[in-house]
């Protein structure tokens, strides 16, 4: 998506949205409070700019509203880097404890125990990492793919959805193994984020008329990245695959049901739900 118009008030944003909707151009209105912008798919930028300028010539609006401008990408949220720092802080705290291996035993995604009802492990395992290489790779992955998801969905919805993918992926992996398997790390959620991005782009390709050929290309690229990034010698291939599949499911639903990022209050609510879910899972695990 690229920005078509920015610095709009709510009334002008709704008006321009109606203009674009009337000519069948997919778009999203982004913002909160008193300032909004309109983003459109890059292939439709010129058509959208023409439609808006035609409307402006026939229905002048106050000069305070910025006219359609040159192409530029919307800014990428930086919350992924914050989450990466959180992962590092947890890793250092665990490694600095007197019994770091006990954390894997109590909070890791043990397939047998998950199937016996200890579902909290599906969430807590996402914050545990085996060594410095493991945490470094996952910090990079969450910063890149997590931020990209949040750019498309909003930060609160993005992190709640990514967490849901990680939890669902760990549960499906436990279901597949049933016993004698322990998994730790945020990579399940990271591949969930990759699946979300693939699905959202595929839905947008269909909505903007680029057709199934584009969808196949996007899906193929996602599968290739899954194979390249998620199938190393020490990787938990099952967790990566199930996380990605969960991301495709949740991302597809988001793409079909939500056409633009939710308002700030809903983003905050989703972020709070994600944080409370993780806290509750850790409290449940610590309680034994």
C-alpha atoms as a PDB file:
ATOM      1  CA  UNK A   1       0.000   0.000   0.000  1.00  0.00           C
ATOM      2  CA  UNK A   2       1.090   3.579  -0.703  1.00  0.00           C
ATOM      3  CA  UNK A   3      -0.240   6.817   0.741  1.00  0.00           C
ATOM      4  CA  UNK A   4      -2.601   8.736  -1.540  1.00  0.00           C
ATOM      5  CA  UNK A   5      -3.678  11.626   0.737  1.00  0.00           C
ATOM      6  CA  UNK A   6      -2.688  12.546   4.277  1.00  0.00           C
ATOM      7  CA  UNK A   7      -3.515  15.089   7.015  1.00  0.00           C
ATOM      8  CA  UNK A   8      -7.263  14.627   6.565  1.00  0.00           C
ATOM      9  CA  UNK A   9      -9.979  15.221   9.134  1.00  0.00           C
ATOM     10  CA  UNK A  10     -12.624  12.545   9.657  1.00  0.00           C
ATOM     11  CA  UNK A  11     -15.204  14.188   7.374  1.00  0.00           C
ATOM     12  CA  UNK A  12     -12.820  14.567   4.423  1.00  0.00           C
ATOM     13  CA  UNK A  13     -11.447  11.065   4.902  1.00  0.00           C
ATOM     14  CA  UNK A  14     -14.970   9.617   4.768  1.00  0.00           C
ATOM     15  CA  UNK A  15     -15.776  11.724   1.713  1.00  0.00           C
ATOM     16  CA  UNK A  16     -12.733  10.603  -0.235  1.00  0.00           C
ATOM     17  CA  UNK A  17     -13.363   7.031   0.840  1.00  0.00           C
ATOM     18  CA  UNK A  18     -16.836   7.252  -0.691  1.00  0.00           C
ATOM     19  CA  UNK A  19     -15.362   8.636  -3.911  1.00  0.00           C
ATOM     20  CA  UNK A  20     -12.920   5.751  -4.214  1.00  0.00           C
ATOM     21  CA  UNK A  21     -15.555   3.207  -3.291  1.00  0.00           C
ATOM     22  CA  UNK A  22     -17.855   4.615  -5.976  1.00  0.00           C
ATOM     23  CA  UNK A  23     -15.278   3.925  -8.694  1.00  0.00           C
ATOM     24  CA  UNK A  24     -14.379   0.513  -7.278  1.00  0.00           C
ATOM     25  CA  UNK A  25     -10.873   1.296  -6.007  1.00  0.00           C
ATOM     26  CA  UNK A  26      -9.744  -0.699  -2.967  1.00  0.00           C
ATOM     27  CA  UNK A  27      -8.277   1.455  -0.203  1.00  0.00           C
ATOM     28  CA  UNK A  28      -7.983   1.893   3.537  1.00  0.00           C
ATOM     29  CA  UNK A  29      -8.408   4.871   5.846  1.00  0.00           C
ATOM     30  CA  UNK A  30      -5.722   4.990   8.541  1.00  0.00           C
ATOM     31  CA  UNK A  31      -5.600   7.247  11.566  1.00  0.00           C
ATOM     32  CA  UNK A  32      -7.317   8.289  14.740  1.00  0.00           C
ATOM     33  CA  UNK A  33      -8.627  11.321  16.576  1.00  0.00           C
ATOM     34  CA  UNK A  34      -8.295  14.294  14.196  1.00  0.00           C
ATOM     35  CA  UNK A  35      -5.798  13.198  11.500  1.00  0.00           C
ATOM     36  CA  UNK A  36      -6.240  10.512   8.864  1.00  0.00           C
ATOM     37  CA  UNK A  37      -4.662   9.333   5.641  1.00  0.00           C
ATOM     38  CA  UNK A  38      -5.837   7.161   2.752  1.00  0.00           C
ATOM     39  CA  UNK A  39      -3.692   4.312   1.416  1.00  0.00           C
ATOM     40  CA  UNK A  40      -4.280   2.491  -1.865  1.00  0.00           C
ATOM     41  CA  UNK A  41      -2.636  -0.509  -3.562  1.00  0.00           C
ATOM     42  CA  UNK A  42       0.323   0.696  -5.615  1.00  0.00           C
ATOM     43  CA  UNK A  43      -1.073  -0.557  -8.982  1.00  0.00           C
ATOM     44  CA  UNK A  44      -4.204   1.558  -8.405  1.00  0.00           C
ATOM     45  CA  UNK A  45      -2.402   4.738  -7.286  1.00  0.00           C
ATOM     46  CA  UNK A  46      -2.731   6.656 -10.564  1.00  0.00           C
ATOM     47  CA  UNK A  47      -6.404   5.769 -11.007  1.00  0.00           C
ATOM     48  CA  UNK A  48      -7.150   6.756  -7.408  1.00  0.00           C
ATOM     49  CA  UNK A  49      -5.312  10.072  -7.749  1.00  0.00           C
ATOM     50  CA  UNK A  50      -7.237  10.854 -10.945  1.00  0.00           C
ATOM     51  CA  UNK A  51     -10.566  10.076  -9.274  1.00  0.00           C
ATOM     52  CA  UNK A  52      -9.789  12.280  -6.270  1.00  0.00           C
ATOM     53  CA  UNK A  53      -8.542  15.183  -8.385  1.00  0.00           C
ATOM     54  CA  UNK A  54     -11.638  14.998 -10.565  1.00  0.00           C
ATOM     55  CA  UNK A  55     -13.790  15.116  -7.460  1.00  0.00           C
ATOM     56  CA  UNK A  56     -11.772  18.042  -6.052  1.00  0.00           C
ATOM     57  CA  UNK A  57     -12.155  20.006  -9.271  1.00  0.00           C
ATOM     58  CA  UNK A  58     -15.904  19.593  -9.132  1.00  0.00           C
ATOM     59  CA  UNK A  59     -16.256  19.936  -5.347  1.00  0.00           C
ATOM     60  CA  UNK A  60     -13.506  22.205  -3.931  1.00  0.00           C
ATOM     61  CA  UNK A  61     -12.491  21.495  -0.327  1.00  0.00           C
ATOM     62  CA  UNK A  62     -10.588  23.697   2.135  1.00  0.00           C
ATOM     63  CA  UNK A  63      -6.888  24.146   1.239  1.00  0.00           C
ATOM     64  CA  UNK A  64      -5.790  22.764   4.633  1.00  0.00           C
ATOM     65  CA  UNK A  65      -6.337  19.263   3.235  1.00  0.00           C
ATOM     66  CA  UNK A  66      -3.256  17.943   1.445  1.00  0.00           C
ATOM     67  CA  UNK A  67      -3.795  16.994  -2.219  1.00  0.00           C
ATOM     68  CA  UNK A  68      -2.864  13.582  -3.564  1.00  0.00           C
ATOM     69  CA  UNK A  69       0.917  13.416  -3.540  1.00  0.00           C
ATOM     70  CA  UNK A  70       3.734  11.401  -5.053  1.00  0.00           C
ATOM     71  CA  UNK A  71       4.259   7.760  -4.256  1.00  0.00           C
ATOM     72  CA  UNK A  72       5.711   6.897  -0.870  1.00  0.00           C
ATOM     73  CA  UNK A  73       5.286   3.923   1.376  1.00  0.00           C
ATOM     74  CA  UNK A  74       3.447   4.193   4.679  1.00  0.00           C
ATOM     75  CA  UNK A  75       5.790   4.160   7.678  1.00  0.00           C
ATOM     76  CA  UNK A  76       6.550   0.798   9.250  1.00  0.00           C
ATOM     77  CA  UNK A  77       5.638   0.557  12.959  1.00  0.00           C
ATOM     78  CA  UNK A  78       8.587  -0.035  15.265  1.00  0.00           C
ATOM     79  CA  UNK A  79       6.764  -2.204  17.806  1.00  0.00           C
ATOM     80  CA  UNK A  80       8.550  -5.268  16.422  1.00  0.00           C
ATOM     81  CA  UNK A  81      11.838  -3.917  17.723  1.00  0.00           C
ATOM     82  CA  UNK A  82      10.293  -3.386  21.159  1.00  0.00           C
ATOM     83  CA  UNK A  83       9.036  -6.976  21.230  1.00  0.00           C
ATOM     84  CA  UNK A  84      12.511  -8.145  20.181  1.00  0.00           C
ATOM     85  CA  UNK A  85      13.951  -6.342  23.207  1.00  0.00           C
ATOM     86  CA  UNK A  86      11.354  -8.020  25.429  1.00  0.00           C
ATOM     87  CA  UNK A  87      12.446 -11.433  24.100  1.00  0.00           C
ATOM     88  CA  UNK A  88      16.063 -10.565  24.833  1.00  0.00           C
ATOM     89  CA  UNK A  89      15.213  -9.403  28.365  1.00  0.00           C
ATOM     90  CA  UNK A  90      13.405 -12.674  29.118  1.00  0.00           C
ATOM     91  CA  UNK A  91      16.284 -14.688  27.645  1.00  0.00           C
ATOM     92  CA  UNK A  92      18.861 -12.872  29.801  1.00  0.00           C
ATOM     93  CA  UNK A  93      16.703 -13.223  32.912  1.00  0.00           C
ATOM     94  CA  UNK A  94      16.282 -16.971  32.376  1.00  0.00           C
ATOM     95  CA  UNK A  95      19.974 -17.575  31.576  1.00  0.00           C
ATOM     96  CA  UNK A  96      20.960 -15.532  34.621  1.00  0.00           C
ATOM     97  CA  UNK A  97      18.769 -17.555  36.960  1.00  0.00           C
ATOM     98  CA  UNK A  98      20.078 -20.349  39.166  1.00  0.00           C
ATOM     99  CA  UNK A  99      18.331 -23.100  37.182  1.00  0.00           C
ATOM    100  CA  UNK A 100      17.708 -21.976  33.574  1.00  0.00           C
ATOM    101  CA  UNK A 101      16.872 -25.492  32.364  1.00  0.00           C
ATOM    102  CA  UNK A 102      13.967 -25.614  34.829  1.00  0.00           C
ATOM    103  CA  UNK A 103      12.225 -22.947  32.778  1.00  0.00           C
ATOM    104  CA  UNK A 104      12.134 -25.239  29.756  1.00  0.00           C
ATOM    105  CA  UNK A 105      10.766 -28.032  31.933  1.00  0.00           C
ATOM    106  CA  UNK A 106       8.032 -25.883  33.528  1.00  0.00           C
ATOM    107  CA  UNK A 107       7.152 -23.508  30.669  1.00  0.00           C
ATOM    108  CA  UNK A 108       8.301 -25.250  27.463  1.00  0.00           C
ATOM    109  CA  UNK A 109       5.876 -26.659  24.900  1.00  0.00           C
ATOM    110  CA  UNK A 110       5.993 -30.274  26.076  1.00  0.00           C
ATOM    111  CA  UNK A 111       3.687 -32.155  23.690  1.00  0.00           C
ATOM    112  CA  UNK A 112       2.556 -34.791  26.200  1.00  0.00           C
ATOM    113  CA  UNK A 113       1.751 -32.260  28.923  1.00  0.00           C
ATOM    114  CA  UNK A 114      -0.070 -29.958  26.504  1.00  0.00           C
ATOM    115  CA  UNK A 115      -2.242 -32.867  25.432  1.00  0.00           C
ATOM    116  CA  UNK A 116      -2.869 -33.553  29.132  1.00  0.00           C
ATOM    117  CA  UNK A 117      -4.355 -30.087  29.567  1.00  0.00           C
ATOM    118  CA  UNK A 118      -1.410 -27.761  30.309  1.00  0.00           C
ATOM    119  CA  UNK A 119      -2.342 -25.419  27.464  1.00  0.00           C
ATOM    120  CA  UNK A 120      -0.529 -22.446  29.000  1.00  0.00           C
ATOM    121  CA  UNK A 121       2.709 -23.960  27.668  1.00  0.00           C
ATOM    122  CA  UNK A 122       1.639 -23.057  24.114  1.00  0.00           C
ATOM    123  CA  UNK A 123       2.086 -19.392  25.075  1.00  0.00           C
ATOM    124  CA  UNK A 124       4.918 -19.455  27.600  1.00  0.00           C
ATOM    125  CA  UNK A 125       7.211 -21.478  25.311  1.00  0.00           C
ATOM    126  CA  UNK A 126       7.218 -18.569  22.847  1.00  0.00           C
ATOM    127  CA  UNK A 127       9.383 -16.500  25.212  1.00  0.00           C
ATOM    128  CA  UNK A 128      12.031 -19.180  25.871  1.00  0.00           C
ATOM    129  CA  UNK A 129      15.151 -19.679  23.740  1.00  0.00           C
ATOM    130  CA  UNK A 130      17.892 -22.281  23.744  1.00  0.00           C
ATOM    131  CA  UNK A 131      21.014 -20.187  23.147  1.00  0.00           C
ATOM    132  CA  UNK A 132      22.393 -16.906  21.831  1.00  0.00           C
ATOM    133  CA  UNK A 133      22.033 -17.914  18.182  1.00  0.00           C
ATOM    134  CA  UNK A 134      18.416 -18.910  18.733  1.00  0.00           C
ATOM    135  CA  UNK A 135      17.442 -15.629  20.424  1.00  0.00           C
ATOM    136  CA  UNK A 136      19.362 -13.511  17.891  1.00  0.00           C
ATOM    137  CA  UNK A 137      17.599 -15.143  14.924  1.00  0.00           C
ATOM    138  CA  UNK A 138      14.182 -14.782  16.520  1.00  0.00           C
ATOM    139  CA  UNK A 139      14.802 -11.162  17.519  1.00  0.00           C
ATOM    140  CA  UNK A 140      15.557 -10.360  13.883  1.00  0.00           C
ATOM    141  CA  UNK A 141      12.518 -12.311  12.676  1.00  0.00           C
ATOM    142  CA  UNK A 142      10.049 -10.730  15.089  1.00  0.00           C
ATOM    143  CA  UNK A 143      11.384  -7.224  14.393  1.00  0.00           C
ATOM    144  CA  UNK A 144      11.015  -7.686  10.626  1.00  0.00           C
ATOM    145  CA  UNK A 145       7.858  -9.749  10.187  1.00  0.00           C
ATOM    146  CA  UNK A 146       6.082  -8.506  13.310  1.00  0.00           C
ATOM    147  CA  UNK A 147       6.511  -4.884  12.256  1.00  0.00           C
ATOM    148  CA  UNK A 148       5.312  -5.715   8.737  1.00  0.00           C
ATOM    149  CA  UNK A 149       2.141  -7.348  10.069  1.00  0.00           C
ATOM    150  CA  UNK A 150       1.463  -4.342  12.302  1.00  0.00           C
ATOM    151  CA  UNK A 151       1.850  -2.033   9.304  1.00  0.00           C
ATOM    152  CA  UNK A 152      -1.018  -3.895   7.653  1.00  0.00           C
ATOM    153  CA  UNK A 153      -3.309  -4.509  10.644  1.00  0.00           C
ATOM    154  CA  UNK A 154      -2.387  -2.006  13.339  1.00  0.00           C
ATOM    155  CA  UNK A 155      -0.118  -2.835  16.272  1.00  0.00           C
ATOM    156  CA  UNK A 156      -2.701  -4.175  18.724  1.00  0.00           C
ATOM    157  CA  UNK A 157      -4.508  -6.425  16.263  1.00  0.00           C
ATOM    158  CA  UNK A 158      -1.181  -7.480  14.774  1.00  0.00           C
ATOM    159  CA  UNK A 159       0.391  -8.675  18.019  1.00  0.00           C
ATOM    160  CA  UNK A 160      -2.765 -10.384  19.233  1.00  0.00           C
ATOM    161  CA  UNK A 161      -3.006 -12.240  15.918  1.00  0.00           C
ATOM    162  CA  UNK A 162       0.689 -13.162  15.927  1.00  0.00           C
ATOM    163  CA  UNK A 163       0.359 -14.478  19.484  1.00  0.00           C
ATOM    164  CA  UNK A 164      -2.715 -16.479  18.465  1.00  0.00           C
ATOM    165  CA  UNK A 165      -0.706 -18.010  15.604  1.00  0.00           C
ATOM    166  CA  UNK A 166       2.108 -18.966  17.975  1.00  0.00           C
ATOM    167  CA  UNK A 167      -0.269 -20.553  20.467  1.00  0.00           C
ATOM    168  CA  UNK A 168      -2.241 -22.375  17.775  1.00  0.00           C
ATOM    169  CA  UNK A 169       0.954 -23.553  16.064  1.00  0.00           C
ATOM    170  CA  UNK A 170       2.375 -24.966  19.293  1.00  0.00           C
ATOM    171  CA  UNK A 171      -0.909 -26.719  20.067  1.00  0.00           C
ATOM    172  CA  UNK A 172      -1.096 -28.287  16.595  1.00  0.00           C
ATOM    173  CA  UNK A 173       2.532 -29.354  16.844  1.00  0.00           C
ATOM    174  CA  UNK A 174       1.845 -30.993  20.218  1.00  0.00           C
ATOM    175  CA  UNK A 175      -1.208 -32.717  18.736  1.00  0.00           C
ATOM    176  CA  UNK A 176       0.961 -34.064  15.903  1.00  0.00           C
ATOM    177  CA  UNK A 177       3.664 -35.399  18.255  1.00  0.00           C
ATOM    178  CA  UNK A 178       1.397 -36.369  21.186  1.00  0.00           C
ATOM    179  CA  UNK A 179       4.444 -37.157  23.372  1.00  0.00           C
ATOM    180  CA  UNK A 180       8.247 -37.002  23.726  1.00  0.00           C
ATOM    181  CA  UNK A 181       8.709 -33.600  22.140  1.00  0.00           C
ATOM    182  CA  UNK A 182       9.724 -30.261  23.678  1.00  0.00           C
ATOM    183  CA  UNK A 183       9.624 -27.003  21.746  1.00  0.00           C
ATOM    184  CA  UNK A 184      10.709 -23.494  22.757  1.00  0.00           C
ATOM    185  CA  UNK A 185      11.137 -20.208  20.936  1.00  0.00           C
ATOM    186  CA  UNK A 186       9.217 -17.414  19.243  1.00  0.00           C
ATOM    187  CA  UNK A 187       9.766 -18.866  15.775  1.00  0.00           C
ATOM    188  CA  UNK A 188       6.310 -20.473  15.721  1.00  0.00           C
ATOM    189  CA  UNK A 189       4.786 -17.008  16.086  1.00  0.00           C
ATOM    190  CA  UNK A 190       7.276 -15.522  13.612  1.00  0.00           C
ATOM    191  CA  UNK A 191       6.239 -17.998  10.929  1.00  0.00           C
ATOM    192  CA  UNK A 192       2.664 -17.193  11.891  1.00  0.00           C
ATOM    193  CA  UNK A 193       3.444 -13.551  11.043  1.00  0.00           C
ATOM    194  CA  UNK A 194       4.851 -14.675   7.689  1.00  0.00           C
ATOM    195  CA  UNK A 195       1.646 -16.619   7.015  1.00  0.00           C
ATOM    196  CA  UNK A 196      -0.460 -13.578   7.951  1.00  0.00           C
ATOM    197  CA  UNK A 197       1.430 -11.419   5.458  1.00  0.00           C
ATOM    198  CA  UNK A 198       1.052 -14.003   2.684  1.00  0.00           C
ATOM    199  CA  UNK A 199      -2.687 -14.338   3.291  1.00  0.00           C
ATOM    200  CA  UNK A 200      -3.368 -10.596   3.511  1.00  0.00           C
ATOM    201  CA  UNK A 201      -1.461  -9.966   0.282  1.00  0.00           C
ATOM    202  CA  UNK A 202      -3.329 -12.814  -1.439  1.00  0.00           C
ATOM    203  CA  UNK A 203      -6.719 -11.431  -0.362  1.00  0.00           C
ATOM    204  CA  UNK A 204      -5.719  -7.965  -1.566  1.00  0.00           C
ATOM    205  CA  UNK A 205      -4.619  -9.408  -4.896  1.00  0.00           C
ATOM    206  CA  UNK A 206      -8.074 -10.893  -5.385  1.00  0.00           C
ATOM    207  CA  UNK A 207      -9.850  -7.735  -4.202  1.00  0.00           C
ATOM    208  CA  UNK A 208      -7.845  -5.437  -6.484  1.00  0.00           C
ATOM    209  CA  UNK A 209      -8.394  -7.589  -9.520  1.00  0.00           C
ATOM    210  CA  UNK A 210      -4.900  -9.032  -9.885  1.00  0.00           C
ATOM    211  CA  UNK A 211      -6.424 -12.512  -9.958  1.00  0.00           C
ATOM    212  CA  UNK A 212      -5.451 -16.020  -8.911  1.00  0.00           C
ATOM    213  CA  UNK A 213      -2.134 -15.968 -10.738  1.00  0.00           C
ATOM    214  CA  UNK A 214      -0.894 -13.308  -8.332  1.00  0.00           C
ATOM    215  CA  UNK A 215      -2.297 -15.303  -5.395  1.00  0.00           C
ATOM    216  CA  UNK A 216      -0.358 -18.393  -6.513  1.00  0.00           C
ATOM    217  CA  UNK A 217       2.835 -16.337  -6.789  1.00  0.00           C
ATOM    218  CA  UNK A 218       2.375 -14.852  -3.313  1.00  0.00           C
ATOM    219  CA  UNK A 219       1.594 -18.245  -1.784  1.00  0.00           C
ATOM    220  CA  UNK A 220       4.554 -19.821  -3.549  1.00  0.00           C
ATOM    221  CA  UNK A 221       6.852 -17.111  -2.231  1.00  0.00           C
ATOM    222  CA  UNK A 222       5.549 -17.752   1.290  1.00  0.00           C
ATOM    223  CA  UNK A 223       6.126 -21.502   1.004  1.00  0.00           C
ATOM    224  CA  UNK A 224       9.621 -20.877  -0.338  1.00  0.00           C
ATOM    225  CA  UNK A 225      10.449 -18.618   2.603  1.00  0.00           C
ATOM    226  CA  UNK A 226       9.047 -21.221   4.987  1.00  0.00           C
ATOM    227  CA  UNK A 227      11.295 -23.868   3.443  1.00  0.00           C
ATOM    228  CA  UNK A 228      14.349 -21.618   3.356  1.00  0.00           C
ATOM    229  CA  UNK A 229      14.047 -20.079   6.820  1.00  0.00           C
ATOM    230  CA  UNK A 230      12.274 -22.801   8.746  1.00  0.00           C
ATOM    231  CA  UNK A 231      13.894 -26.089   7.780  1.00  0.00           C
ATOM    232  CA  UNK A 232      17.369 -25.852   9.305  1.00  0.00           C
ATOM    233  CA  UNK A 233      19.077 -28.790  10.995  1.00  0.00           C
ATOM    234  CA  UNK A 234      18.060 -27.649  14.495  1.00  0.00           C
ATOM    235  CA  UNK A 235      14.691 -26.200  13.515  1.00  0.00           C
ATOM    236  CA  UNK A 236      11.358 -27.489  14.753  1.00  0.00           C
ATOM    237  CA  UNK A 237       9.901 -27.898  11.289  1.00  0.00           C
ATOM    238  CA  UNK A 238       6.482 -28.935  12.576  1.00  0.00           C
ATOM    239  CA  UNK A 239       6.110 -25.861  14.783  1.00  0.00           C
ATOM    240  CA  UNK A 240       7.165 -23.605  11.915  1.00  0.00           C
ATOM    241  CA  UNK A 241       4.752 -25.242   9.486  1.00  0.00           C
ATOM    242  CA  UNK A 242       1.792 -25.150  11.876  1.00  0.00           C
ATOM    243  CA  UNK A 243       2.559 -21.556  12.860  1.00  0.00           C
ATOM    244  CA  UNK A 244       2.598 -20.577   9.188  1.00  0.00           C
ATOM    245  CA  UNK A 245      -0.669 -22.407   8.499  1.00  0.00           C
ATOM    246  CA  UNK A 246      -2.294 -20.664  11.467  1.00  0.00           C
ATOM    247  CA  UNK A 247      -1.043 -17.365  10.062  1.00  0.00           C
ATOM    248  CA  UNK A 248      -2.547 -18.114   6.660  1.00  0.00           C
ATOM    249  CA  UNK A 249      -5.895 -18.862   8.326  1.00  0.00           C
ATOM    250  CA  UNK A 250      -5.967 -15.824  10.625  1.00  0.00           C
ATOM    251  CA  UNK A 251      -4.478 -13.521   7.985  1.00  0.00           C
ATOM    252  CA  UNK A 252      -7.024 -14.657   5.426  1.00  0.00           C
ATOM    253  CA  UNK A 253      -9.887 -14.016   7.821  1.00  0.00           C
ATOM    254  CA  UNK A 254      -8.503 -10.573   8.650  1.00  0.00           C
ATOM    255  CA  UNK A 255      -8.068  -9.716   4.980  1.00  0.00           C
ATOM    256  CA  UNK A 256     -11.628 -10.735   4.145  1.00  0.00           C
ATOM    257  CA  UNK A 257     -13.380  -9.217   7.164  1.00  0.00           C
ATOM    258  CA  UNK A 258     -11.323  -6.092   7.972  1.00  0.00           C
ATOM    259  CA  UNK A 259     -10.661  -3.655   5.137  1.00  0.00           C
ATOM    260  CA  UNK A 260      -8.702  -1.093   7.131  1.00  0.00           C
ATOM    261  CA  UNK A 261      -6.948  -1.005  10.513  1.00  0.00           C
ATOM    262  CA  UNK A 262      -9.293  -0.730  13.481  1.00  0.00           C
ATOM    263  CA  UNK A 263      -9.530   2.454  15.522  1.00  0.00           C
ATOM    264  CA  UNK A 264      -7.080   3.182  18.321  1.00  0.00           C
ATOM    265  CA  UNK A 265      -9.358   2.011  21.130  1.00  0.00           C
ATOM    266  CA  UNK A 266      -9.653  -1.436  19.542  1.00  0.00           C
ATOM    267  CA  UNK A 267      -5.929  -1.608  18.890  1.00  0.00           C
ATOM    268  CA  UNK A 268      -5.283  -0.844  22.567  1.00  0.00           C
ATOM    269  CA  UNK A 269      -7.831  -3.470  23.635  1.00  0.00           C
ATOM    270  CA  UNK A 270      -6.186  -6.120  21.438  1.00  0.00           C
ATOM    271  CA  UNK A 271      -2.713  -5.239  22.707  1.00  0.00           C
ATOM    272  CA  UNK A 272      -3.956  -5.496  26.301  1.00  0.00           C
ATOM    273  CA  UNK A 273      -5.558  -8.870  25.530  1.00  0.00           C
ATOM    274  CA  UNK A 274      -2.259 -10.179  24.125  1.00  0.00           C
ATOM    275  CA  UNK A 275      -0.278  -8.965  27.145  1.00  0.00           C
ATOM    276  CA  UNK A 276      -2.800 -10.340  29.647  1.00  0.00           C
ATOM    277  CA  UNK A 277      -2.813 -13.710  27.870  1.00  0.00           C
ATOM    278  CA  UNK A 278       0.954 -14.025  28.249  1.00  0.00           C
ATOM    279  CA  UNK A 279       0.916 -12.884  31.886  1.00  0.00           C
ATOM    280  CA  UNK A 280      -1.909 -15.297  32.747  1.00  0.00           C
ATOM    281  CA  UNK A 281      -0.058 -18.168  31.058  1.00  0.00           C
ATOM    282  CA  UNK A 282       3.134 -17.502  33.031  1.00  0.00           C
ATOM    283  CA  UNK A 283       1.207 -17.154  36.298  1.00  0.00           C
ATOM    284  CA  UNK A 284      -0.576 -20.435  35.591  1.00  0.00           C
ATOM    285  CA  UNK A 285       2.722 -22.196  34.874  1.00  0.00           C
ATOM    286  CA  UNK A 286       4.412 -20.779  37.982  1.00  0.00           C
ATOM    287  CA  UNK A 287       1.478 -21.919  40.115  1.00  0.00           C
ATOM    288  CA  UNK A 288       2.183 -25.509  39.096  1.00  0.00           C
END
